[in-house]
N, C-alpha and C. Protein backbone atom coordinates (compact mmCIF):
# COMPACT_ATOMS: atom_id res chain seq x y z
N MET A 1 35.87 -26.46 -5.12
CA MET A 1 35.52 -25.84 -3.85
C MET A 1 33.99 -25.76 -3.75
N LEU A 2 33.45 -26.14 -2.64
CA LEU A 2 32.01 -26.18 -2.43
C LEU A 2 31.56 -24.90 -1.73
N VAL A 3 30.51 -24.28 -2.26
CA VAL A 3 29.98 -23.06 -1.67
C VAL A 3 29.02 -23.46 -0.56
N ARG A 4 29.20 -22.91 0.61
CA ARG A 4 28.32 -23.23 1.74
C ARG A 4 27.03 -22.42 1.63
N ALA A 5 25.92 -23.09 1.91
CA ALA A 5 24.61 -22.42 1.83
C ALA A 5 24.50 -21.34 2.90
N GLY A 6 25.15 -21.52 4.04
CA GLY A 6 25.08 -20.54 5.12
C GLY A 6 25.76 -19.24 4.77
N SER A 7 26.64 -19.23 3.76
CA SER A 7 27.33 -18.00 3.39
C SER A 7 26.45 -17.10 2.54
N LEU A 8 25.37 -17.62 2.00
CA LEU A 8 24.46 -16.80 1.20
C LEU A 8 23.43 -16.18 2.13
N ARG A 9 23.26 -14.90 2.03
CA ARG A 9 22.29 -14.21 2.86
C ARG A 9 21.09 -13.83 2.02
N ALA A 10 19.92 -14.15 2.51
CA ALA A 10 18.69 -13.75 1.82
C ALA A 10 18.40 -12.30 2.16
N PRO A 11 17.90 -11.52 1.20
CA PRO A 11 17.56 -10.13 1.49
C PRO A 11 16.38 -10.05 2.44
N LEU A 12 16.19 -8.88 3.03
CA LEU A 12 15.13 -8.70 4.01
C LEU A 12 13.75 -8.70 3.39
N TYR A 13 13.61 -8.23 2.17
CA TYR A 13 12.30 -8.10 1.56
C TYR A 13 12.20 -9.01 0.33
N PRO A 14 11.06 -9.68 0.15
CA PRO A 14 10.90 -10.57 -1.00
C PRO A 14 11.06 -9.84 -2.33
N SER A 15 10.74 -8.56 -2.39
CA SER A 15 10.86 -7.84 -3.65
C SER A 15 12.33 -7.67 -4.05
N ASP A 16 13.25 -7.77 -3.09
CA ASP A 16 14.68 -7.64 -3.37
C ASP A 16 15.30 -8.97 -3.75
N TRP A 17 14.52 -10.04 -3.76
CA TRP A 17 15.08 -11.37 -3.96
C TRP A 17 15.49 -11.58 -5.41
N SER A 18 16.71 -11.97 -5.58
CA SER A 18 17.18 -12.39 -6.90
C SER A 18 18.05 -13.61 -6.65
N GLY A 19 17.42 -14.74 -6.38
CA GLY A 19 18.11 -15.96 -5.99
C GLY A 19 19.15 -16.41 -7.00
N GLU A 20 18.83 -16.30 -8.29
CA GLU A 20 19.79 -16.71 -9.31
C GLU A 20 21.04 -15.86 -9.24
N ARG A 21 20.86 -14.56 -9.05
CA ARG A 21 21.99 -13.65 -9.00
C ARG A 21 22.86 -13.95 -7.79
N GLU A 22 22.25 -14.23 -6.63
CA GLU A 22 23.01 -14.55 -5.42
C GLU A 22 23.87 -15.79 -5.63
N VAL A 23 23.30 -16.81 -6.24
CA VAL A 23 24.04 -18.05 -6.47
C VAL A 23 25.13 -17.81 -7.50
N GLU A 24 24.83 -17.00 -8.53
CA GLU A 24 25.83 -16.71 -9.55
C GLU A 24 27.02 -15.96 -8.96
N VAL A 25 26.76 -14.97 -8.13
CA VAL A 25 27.84 -14.20 -7.51
C VAL A 25 28.67 -15.10 -6.62
N ALA A 26 28.02 -15.94 -5.82
CA ALA A 26 28.76 -16.85 -4.93
C ALA A 26 29.58 -17.83 -5.75
N ARG A 27 29.04 -18.30 -6.86
CA ARG A 27 29.76 -19.25 -7.71
C ARG A 27 30.99 -18.57 -8.33
N ASP A 28 30.81 -17.32 -8.80
CA ASP A 28 31.93 -16.59 -9.40
C ASP A 28 33.02 -16.29 -8.37
N GLU A 29 32.61 -15.91 -7.14
CA GLU A 29 33.59 -15.63 -6.10
C GLU A 29 34.36 -16.89 -5.73
N ALA A 30 33.66 -18.01 -5.66
CA ALA A 30 34.33 -19.26 -5.32
C ALA A 30 35.27 -19.68 -6.44
N ALA A 31 34.88 -19.44 -7.68
CA ALA A 31 35.73 -19.80 -8.81
C ALA A 31 36.98 -18.92 -8.84
N ASP A 32 36.82 -17.63 -8.53
CA ASP A 32 37.97 -16.73 -8.51
C ASP A 32 38.95 -17.13 -7.41
N ALA A 33 38.41 -17.51 -6.24
CA ALA A 33 39.27 -17.86 -5.12
C ALA A 33 40.02 -19.16 -5.36
N SER A 34 39.41 -20.11 -6.05
CA SER A 34 40.07 -21.40 -6.24
C SER A 34 40.77 -21.51 -7.58
N GLY A 35 40.51 -20.58 -8.49
CA GLY A 35 41.13 -20.63 -9.80
C GLY A 35 40.47 -21.64 -10.71
N GLN A 36 39.32 -22.16 -10.36
CA GLN A 36 38.60 -23.12 -11.19
C GLN A 36 37.46 -22.41 -11.91
N ASP A 37 37.09 -22.98 -13.06
CA ASP A 37 35.96 -22.43 -13.79
C ASP A 37 34.66 -23.13 -13.42
N ASP A 38 34.75 -24.36 -12.96
CA ASP A 38 33.56 -25.16 -12.66
C ASP A 38 33.46 -25.35 -11.15
N VAL A 39 32.44 -24.80 -10.56
CA VAL A 39 32.22 -24.91 -9.12
C VAL A 39 30.90 -25.61 -8.91
N GLN A 40 30.85 -26.49 -7.89
CA GLN A 40 29.61 -27.23 -7.62
C GLN A 40 28.52 -26.29 -7.14
N GLU A 41 27.28 -26.67 -7.45
CA GLU A 41 26.13 -25.92 -6.99
C GLU A 41 25.99 -26.09 -5.48
N PRO A 42 25.48 -25.08 -4.77
CA PRO A 42 25.21 -25.26 -3.35
C PRO A 42 24.07 -26.26 -3.16
N VAL A 43 24.10 -26.94 -2.03
CA VAL A 43 23.10 -27.96 -1.75
C VAL A 43 21.73 -27.33 -1.57
N GLU A 44 21.64 -26.25 -0.84
CA GLU A 44 20.37 -25.56 -0.68
C GLU A 44 20.64 -24.09 -0.53
N THR A 45 19.74 -23.28 -1.04
CA THR A 45 19.90 -21.84 -0.95
C THR A 45 18.73 -21.28 -0.18
N ALA A 46 18.97 -20.17 0.49
CA ALA A 46 17.91 -19.55 1.27
C ALA A 46 16.94 -18.85 0.34
N ARG A 47 15.68 -18.91 0.66
CA ARG A 47 14.64 -18.18 -0.06
C ARG A 47 14.11 -17.11 0.87
N PRO A 48 13.46 -16.10 0.33
CA PRO A 48 12.96 -15.03 1.19
C PRO A 48 11.81 -15.52 2.05
N ALA A 49 11.55 -14.76 3.08
CA ALA A 49 10.44 -15.10 3.97
C ALA A 49 9.13 -14.91 3.23
N ASP A 50 8.15 -15.75 3.50
CA ASP A 50 6.84 -15.60 2.88
C ASP A 50 6.04 -14.57 3.65
N ALA A 51 4.76 -14.44 3.33
CA ALA A 51 3.93 -13.40 3.94
C ALA A 51 3.82 -13.55 5.45
N SER A 52 3.95 -14.76 5.98
CA SER A 52 3.84 -14.96 7.42
C SER A 52 5.15 -14.69 8.12
N GLY A 53 6.23 -14.38 7.37
CA GLY A 53 7.50 -14.06 7.98
C GLY A 53 8.37 -15.26 8.24
N VAL A 54 8.00 -16.44 7.78
CA VAL A 54 8.76 -17.64 8.01
C VAL A 54 9.62 -17.92 6.79
N GLY A 55 10.93 -18.07 6.98
CA GLY A 55 11.82 -18.35 5.87
C GLY A 55 11.63 -19.77 5.37
N GLN A 56 12.00 -20.00 4.12
CA GLN A 56 11.85 -21.31 3.53
C GLN A 56 13.21 -21.77 3.02
N GLN A 57 13.39 -23.05 2.86
CA GLN A 57 14.58 -23.61 2.26
C GLN A 57 14.20 -24.25 0.94
N ALA A 58 15.09 -24.18 -0.02
CA ALA A 58 14.82 -24.77 -1.33
C ALA A 58 14.80 -26.28 -1.20
N ASP A 59 13.91 -26.91 -1.92
CA ASP A 59 13.82 -28.37 -1.91
C ASP A 59 14.74 -28.91 -2.98
N THR A 60 15.86 -29.52 -2.56
CA THR A 60 16.81 -30.05 -3.52
C THR A 60 16.82 -31.57 -3.51
N ALA A 61 15.85 -32.16 -2.82
CA ALA A 61 15.81 -33.61 -2.73
C ALA A 61 15.26 -34.24 -4.00
N GLY A 62 14.75 -33.44 -4.91
CA GLY A 62 14.23 -33.97 -6.16
C GLY A 62 12.84 -34.56 -6.01
N GLY A 63 12.09 -34.10 -5.02
CA GLY A 63 10.74 -34.61 -4.80
C GLY A 63 9.80 -34.14 -5.89
N ASP A 64 8.66 -34.76 -5.97
CA ASP A 64 7.65 -34.41 -6.96
C ASP A 64 6.97 -33.11 -6.54
N PRO A 65 7.10 -32.02 -7.32
CA PRO A 65 6.49 -30.76 -6.90
C PRO A 65 4.98 -30.80 -6.89
N GLY A 66 4.36 -31.70 -7.65
CA GLY A 66 2.91 -31.79 -7.67
C GLY A 66 2.34 -32.52 -6.48
N ASN A 67 3.15 -33.24 -5.75
CA ASN A 67 2.69 -34.03 -4.61
C ASN A 67 3.10 -33.32 -3.33
N GLU A 68 2.21 -32.49 -2.81
CA GLU A 68 2.51 -31.76 -1.58
C GLU A 68 1.78 -32.42 -0.44
N SER A 69 2.50 -32.64 0.66
CA SER A 69 1.90 -33.33 1.80
C SER A 69 1.00 -32.40 2.61
N ALA A 70 1.37 -31.13 2.74
CA ALA A 70 0.57 -30.20 3.53
C ALA A 70 -0.47 -29.54 2.62
N PRO A 71 -1.72 -29.50 3.05
CA PRO A 71 -2.74 -28.85 2.22
C PRO A 71 -2.50 -27.35 2.19
N GLN A 72 -2.67 -26.77 1.02
CA GLN A 72 -2.50 -25.33 0.85
C GLN A 72 -3.82 -24.65 1.19
N ARG A 73 -3.79 -23.62 2.02
CA ARG A 73 -5.02 -22.88 2.29
C ARG A 73 -5.08 -21.70 1.35
N GLU A 74 -6.27 -21.38 0.93
CA GLU A 74 -6.46 -20.29 0.00
C GLU A 74 -6.20 -18.97 0.70
N GLU A 75 -5.53 -18.07 0.00
CA GLU A 75 -5.28 -16.74 0.55
C GLU A 75 -6.58 -15.94 0.48
N GLN A 76 -6.87 -15.26 1.57
CA GLN A 76 -8.07 -14.43 1.63
C GLN A 76 -7.65 -12.98 1.73
N PRO A 77 -8.52 -12.08 1.31
CA PRO A 77 -8.19 -10.66 1.47
C PRO A 77 -8.04 -10.32 2.95
N ALA A 78 -7.17 -9.37 3.24
CA ALA A 78 -6.88 -9.03 4.64
C ALA A 78 -8.12 -8.52 5.36
N TRP A 79 -8.97 -7.78 4.66
CA TRP A 79 -10.15 -7.23 5.33
C TRP A 79 -11.12 -8.32 5.74
N LEU A 80 -11.11 -9.44 5.05
CA LEU A 80 -12.04 -10.52 5.36
C LEU A 80 -11.72 -11.18 6.70
N THR A 81 -10.43 -11.24 7.04
CA THR A 81 -10.06 -11.83 8.33
C THR A 81 -10.39 -10.90 9.50
N GLN A 82 -10.69 -9.64 9.22
CA GLN A 82 -10.99 -8.68 10.28
C GLN A 82 -12.48 -8.54 10.56
N ILE A 83 -13.33 -9.26 9.84
CA ILE A 83 -14.77 -9.14 10.05
C ILE A 83 -15.19 -9.45 11.49
N PRO A 84 -14.68 -10.51 12.14
CA PRO A 84 -15.06 -10.71 13.55
C PRO A 84 -14.68 -9.52 14.44
N TYR A 85 -13.51 -8.94 14.19
CA TYR A 85 -13.08 -7.78 14.96
C TYR A 85 -14.02 -6.60 14.73
N TYR A 86 -14.41 -6.37 13.48
CA TYR A 86 -15.31 -5.26 13.18
C TYR A 86 -16.68 -5.46 13.81
N LEU A 87 -17.16 -6.70 13.86
CA LEU A 87 -18.45 -6.97 14.53
C LEU A 87 -18.37 -6.65 16.02
N VAL A 88 -17.29 -7.07 16.65
CA VAL A 88 -17.09 -6.78 18.08
C VAL A 88 -16.97 -5.27 18.28
N LEU A 89 -16.23 -4.61 17.41
CA LEU A 89 -16.03 -3.17 17.53
C LEU A 89 -17.36 -2.42 17.37
N ALA A 90 -18.20 -2.86 16.42
CA ALA A 90 -19.50 -2.22 16.22
C ALA A 90 -20.40 -2.42 17.44
N THR A 91 -20.39 -3.60 18.00
CA THR A 91 -21.21 -3.87 19.19
C THR A 91 -20.71 -3.05 20.37
N MET A 92 -19.40 -2.92 20.48
CA MET A 92 -18.79 -2.13 21.54
C MET A 92 -19.19 -0.65 21.39
N GLY A 93 -19.15 -0.16 20.14
CA GLY A 93 -19.55 1.23 19.88
C GLY A 93 -21.01 1.46 20.21
N ALA A 94 -21.86 0.51 19.89
CA ALA A 94 -23.29 0.64 20.22
C ALA A 94 -23.47 0.71 21.74
N GLY A 95 -22.71 -0.08 22.47
CA GLY A 95 -22.79 -0.04 23.93
C GLY A 95 -22.34 1.30 24.49
N ILE A 96 -21.31 1.88 23.90
CA ILE A 96 -20.83 3.18 24.37
C ILE A 96 -21.86 4.27 24.07
N VAL A 97 -22.51 4.19 22.91
CA VAL A 97 -23.56 5.16 22.58
C VAL A 97 -24.72 5.03 23.56
N ILE A 98 -25.07 3.82 23.94
CA ILE A 98 -26.17 3.62 24.89
C ILE A 98 -25.80 4.17 26.27
N VAL A 99 -24.53 3.98 26.68
CA VAL A 99 -24.08 4.56 27.95
C VAL A 99 -24.13 6.08 27.87
N ALA A 100 -23.73 6.65 26.74
CA ALA A 100 -23.75 8.11 26.58
C ALA A 100 -25.18 8.65 26.61
N ALA A 101 -26.16 7.81 26.27
CA ALA A 101 -27.56 8.23 26.32
C ALA A 101 -28.14 8.04 27.72
N ALA A 102 -27.30 7.81 28.71
CA ALA A 102 -27.67 7.73 30.13
C ALA A 102 -28.41 6.44 30.49
N TYR A 103 -28.14 5.38 29.77
CA TYR A 103 -28.66 4.07 30.16
C TYR A 103 -27.49 3.27 30.74
N PHE A 104 -27.28 3.45 32.06
CA PHE A 104 -26.07 2.93 32.68
C PHE A 104 -26.16 1.45 33.04
N LYS A 105 -27.28 0.81 32.83
CA LYS A 105 -27.36 -0.63 33.02
C LYS A 105 -27.32 -1.37 31.70
N ARG A 106 -27.99 -0.83 30.70
CA ARG A 106 -28.03 -1.51 29.39
C ARG A 106 -26.71 -1.39 28.64
N GLY A 107 -26.07 -0.23 28.71
CA GLY A 107 -24.82 0.01 27.98
C GLY A 107 -23.71 -0.95 28.37
N PRO A 108 -23.36 -1.04 29.66
CA PRO A 108 -22.32 -1.99 30.06
C PRO A 108 -22.70 -3.45 29.77
N ALA A 109 -24.00 -3.74 29.83
CA ALA A 109 -24.43 -5.11 29.49
C ALA A 109 -24.15 -5.40 28.02
N LEU A 110 -24.39 -4.42 27.15
CA LEU A 110 -24.10 -4.61 25.72
C LEU A 110 -22.60 -4.70 25.48
N ILE A 111 -21.83 -3.90 26.19
CA ILE A 111 -20.37 -3.97 26.06
C ILE A 111 -19.87 -5.33 26.55
N ALA A 112 -20.46 -5.83 27.63
CA ALA A 112 -20.10 -7.17 28.12
C ALA A 112 -20.46 -8.23 27.08
N GLY A 113 -21.60 -8.04 26.41
CA GLY A 113 -21.97 -8.95 25.33
C GLY A 113 -20.96 -8.91 24.19
N ALA A 114 -20.44 -7.72 23.88
CA ALA A 114 -19.41 -7.59 22.83
C ALA A 114 -18.13 -8.33 23.25
N LEU A 115 -17.77 -8.23 24.52
CA LEU A 115 -16.59 -8.94 25.00
C LEU A 115 -16.79 -10.46 24.95
N LEU A 116 -18.01 -10.91 25.28
CA LEU A 116 -18.30 -12.34 25.19
C LEU A 116 -18.30 -12.80 23.73
N LEU A 117 -18.77 -11.94 22.83
CA LEU A 117 -18.72 -12.26 21.40
C LEU A 117 -17.27 -12.38 20.94
N ALA A 118 -16.42 -11.47 21.41
CA ALA A 118 -15.00 -11.54 21.08
C ALA A 118 -14.38 -12.82 21.61
N ALA A 119 -14.75 -13.21 22.83
CA ALA A 119 -14.23 -14.45 23.41
C ALA A 119 -14.72 -15.66 22.59
N LEU A 120 -15.96 -15.62 22.14
CA LEU A 120 -16.49 -16.71 21.32
C LEU A 120 -15.72 -16.82 20.00
N PHE A 121 -15.52 -15.68 19.33
CA PHE A 121 -14.76 -15.69 18.08
C PHE A 121 -13.34 -16.20 18.31
N ARG A 122 -12.74 -15.75 19.40
CA ARG A 122 -11.35 -16.16 19.69
C ARG A 122 -11.29 -17.65 20.00
N ALA A 123 -12.33 -18.19 20.59
CA ALA A 123 -12.34 -19.61 20.95
C ALA A 123 -12.53 -20.51 19.73
N ILE A 124 -13.37 -20.10 18.78
CA ILE A 124 -13.70 -21.01 17.68
C ILE A 124 -12.90 -20.78 16.41
N LEU A 125 -12.34 -19.57 16.22
CA LEU A 125 -11.61 -19.29 14.99
C LEU A 125 -10.12 -19.61 15.15
N PRO A 126 -9.50 -20.15 14.10
CA PRO A 126 -8.04 -20.35 14.15
C PRO A 126 -7.34 -18.99 14.14
N PRO A 127 -6.10 -18.92 14.61
CA PRO A 127 -5.42 -17.63 14.73
C PRO A 127 -5.33 -16.84 13.43
N HIS A 128 -5.18 -17.50 12.29
CA HIS A 128 -5.06 -16.75 11.04
C HIS A 128 -6.38 -16.15 10.58
N LEU A 129 -7.50 -16.59 11.16
CA LEU A 129 -8.81 -16.02 10.83
C LEU A 129 -9.36 -15.12 11.93
N ALA A 130 -8.74 -15.12 13.09
CA ALA A 130 -9.23 -14.31 14.21
C ALA A 130 -8.85 -12.84 14.06
N GLY A 131 -7.93 -12.53 13.17
CA GLY A 131 -7.55 -11.15 12.94
C GLY A 131 -6.96 -10.50 14.17
N MET A 132 -7.40 -9.29 14.45
CA MET A 132 -6.84 -8.55 15.58
C MET A 132 -7.41 -9.01 16.92
N LEU A 133 -8.29 -9.97 16.93
CA LEU A 133 -8.75 -10.54 18.19
C LEU A 133 -7.69 -11.47 18.80
N ALA A 134 -6.78 -11.95 17.98
CA ALA A 134 -5.70 -12.82 18.46
C ALA A 134 -4.53 -11.96 18.87
N VAL A 135 -4.46 -11.64 20.15
CA VAL A 135 -3.41 -10.75 20.65
C VAL A 135 -2.29 -11.56 21.29
N ARG A 136 -2.63 -12.37 22.22
CA ARG A 136 -1.65 -13.20 22.93
C ARG A 136 -2.03 -14.65 22.70
N SER A 137 -1.74 -15.49 23.66
CA SER A 137 -2.14 -16.88 23.53
C SER A 137 -3.66 -16.97 23.65
N ARG A 138 -4.22 -18.04 23.16
CA ARG A 138 -5.67 -18.20 23.19
C ARG A 138 -6.19 -18.21 24.62
N LEU A 139 -5.50 -18.90 25.51
CA LEU A 139 -5.94 -18.97 26.91
C LEU A 139 -5.94 -17.58 27.55
N PHE A 140 -4.89 -16.81 27.31
CA PHE A 140 -4.80 -15.46 27.87
C PHE A 140 -5.93 -14.59 27.34
N ASP A 141 -6.15 -14.62 26.03
CA ASP A 141 -7.21 -13.81 25.43
C ASP A 141 -8.58 -14.18 25.98
N LEU A 142 -8.86 -15.49 26.06
CA LEU A 142 -10.17 -15.94 26.56
C LEU A 142 -10.36 -15.55 28.02
N THR A 143 -9.32 -15.71 28.82
CA THR A 143 -9.42 -15.37 30.25
C THR A 143 -9.67 -13.87 30.42
N LEU A 144 -8.94 -13.06 29.70
CA LEU A 144 -9.09 -11.61 29.81
C LEU A 144 -10.46 -11.15 29.32
N LEU A 145 -10.89 -11.62 28.16
CA LEU A 145 -12.18 -11.19 27.61
C LEU A 145 -13.34 -11.65 28.50
N PHE A 146 -13.29 -12.89 28.94
CA PHE A 146 -14.36 -13.40 29.79
C PHE A 146 -14.36 -12.68 31.15
N GLY A 147 -13.19 -12.46 31.71
CA GLY A 147 -13.10 -11.76 33.00
C GLY A 147 -13.64 -10.34 32.93
N LEU A 148 -13.29 -9.61 31.88
CA LEU A 148 -13.81 -8.25 31.71
C LEU A 148 -15.31 -8.25 31.49
N ALA A 149 -15.81 -9.23 30.76
CA ALA A 149 -17.27 -9.31 30.53
C ALA A 149 -18.00 -9.54 31.86
N VAL A 150 -17.48 -10.44 32.68
CA VAL A 150 -18.12 -10.71 33.98
C VAL A 150 -18.08 -9.46 34.86
N LEU A 151 -16.95 -8.75 34.87
CA LEU A 151 -16.86 -7.52 35.67
C LEU A 151 -17.86 -6.46 35.20
N LEU A 152 -18.05 -6.35 33.90
CA LEU A 152 -19.02 -5.37 33.40
C LEU A 152 -20.45 -5.77 33.72
N VAL A 153 -20.75 -7.05 33.69
CA VAL A 153 -22.10 -7.51 34.07
C VAL A 153 -22.35 -7.21 35.54
N VAL A 154 -21.36 -7.45 36.37
CA VAL A 154 -21.50 -7.14 37.81
C VAL A 154 -21.67 -5.64 37.99
N LEU A 155 -20.89 -4.84 37.25
CA LEU A 155 -21.02 -3.39 37.33
C LEU A 155 -22.42 -2.93 36.92
N ALA A 156 -22.93 -3.50 35.84
CA ALA A 156 -24.28 -3.14 35.37
C ALA A 156 -25.34 -3.57 36.38
N TRP A 157 -25.12 -4.64 37.08
CA TRP A 157 -26.08 -5.17 38.03
C TRP A 157 -26.15 -4.31 39.29
N VAL A 158 -24.98 -3.86 39.76
CA VAL A 158 -24.97 -3.10 41.02
C VAL A 158 -25.09 -1.60 40.80
N ALA A 159 -25.05 -1.12 39.56
CA ALA A 159 -25.18 0.31 39.30
C ALA A 159 -26.59 0.77 39.68
N PRO A 160 -26.69 1.92 40.31
CA PRO A 160 -28.02 2.41 40.67
C PRO A 160 -28.82 2.77 39.41
N GLN A 161 -30.11 2.57 39.51
CA GLN A 161 -31.00 2.93 38.41
C GLN A 161 -31.14 4.45 38.36
N LEU A 162 -30.75 5.06 37.26
CA LEU A 162 -30.86 6.51 37.15
C LEU A 162 -31.94 6.92 36.18
């Protein structure tokens, strides 16, 4: 009796993964049901989702594990991917402080500059390096950031000098 790979369920969290145990239990259950001691191995078993949340399938084709077609990117610390966001946030905070100091033309101009900086980072960085600047699709993010920056520049331009 052949065990179907679809009947094996991968656990929700990688720390709960015990792939050998799952296959062993399925093999024992299949052997009990058929009365045989020798049951064929499943063709492929589910593996837990990786850090990006994408599930993987076991490679049973017998390919060379040292020859990978896709280049592996090095894992970076999570805080490192947020540096563009922190730069934008710091510039935004400086603009708010300037507005609070009663400079109603310079403050919004600096905030608009922060939004343009965010749009620049979002345009040139890939999504995995853009951090929290990548909210929606790239086009949506760029349109929103650029549009808000233009509105703030117009606001700073037409604001009365106080």
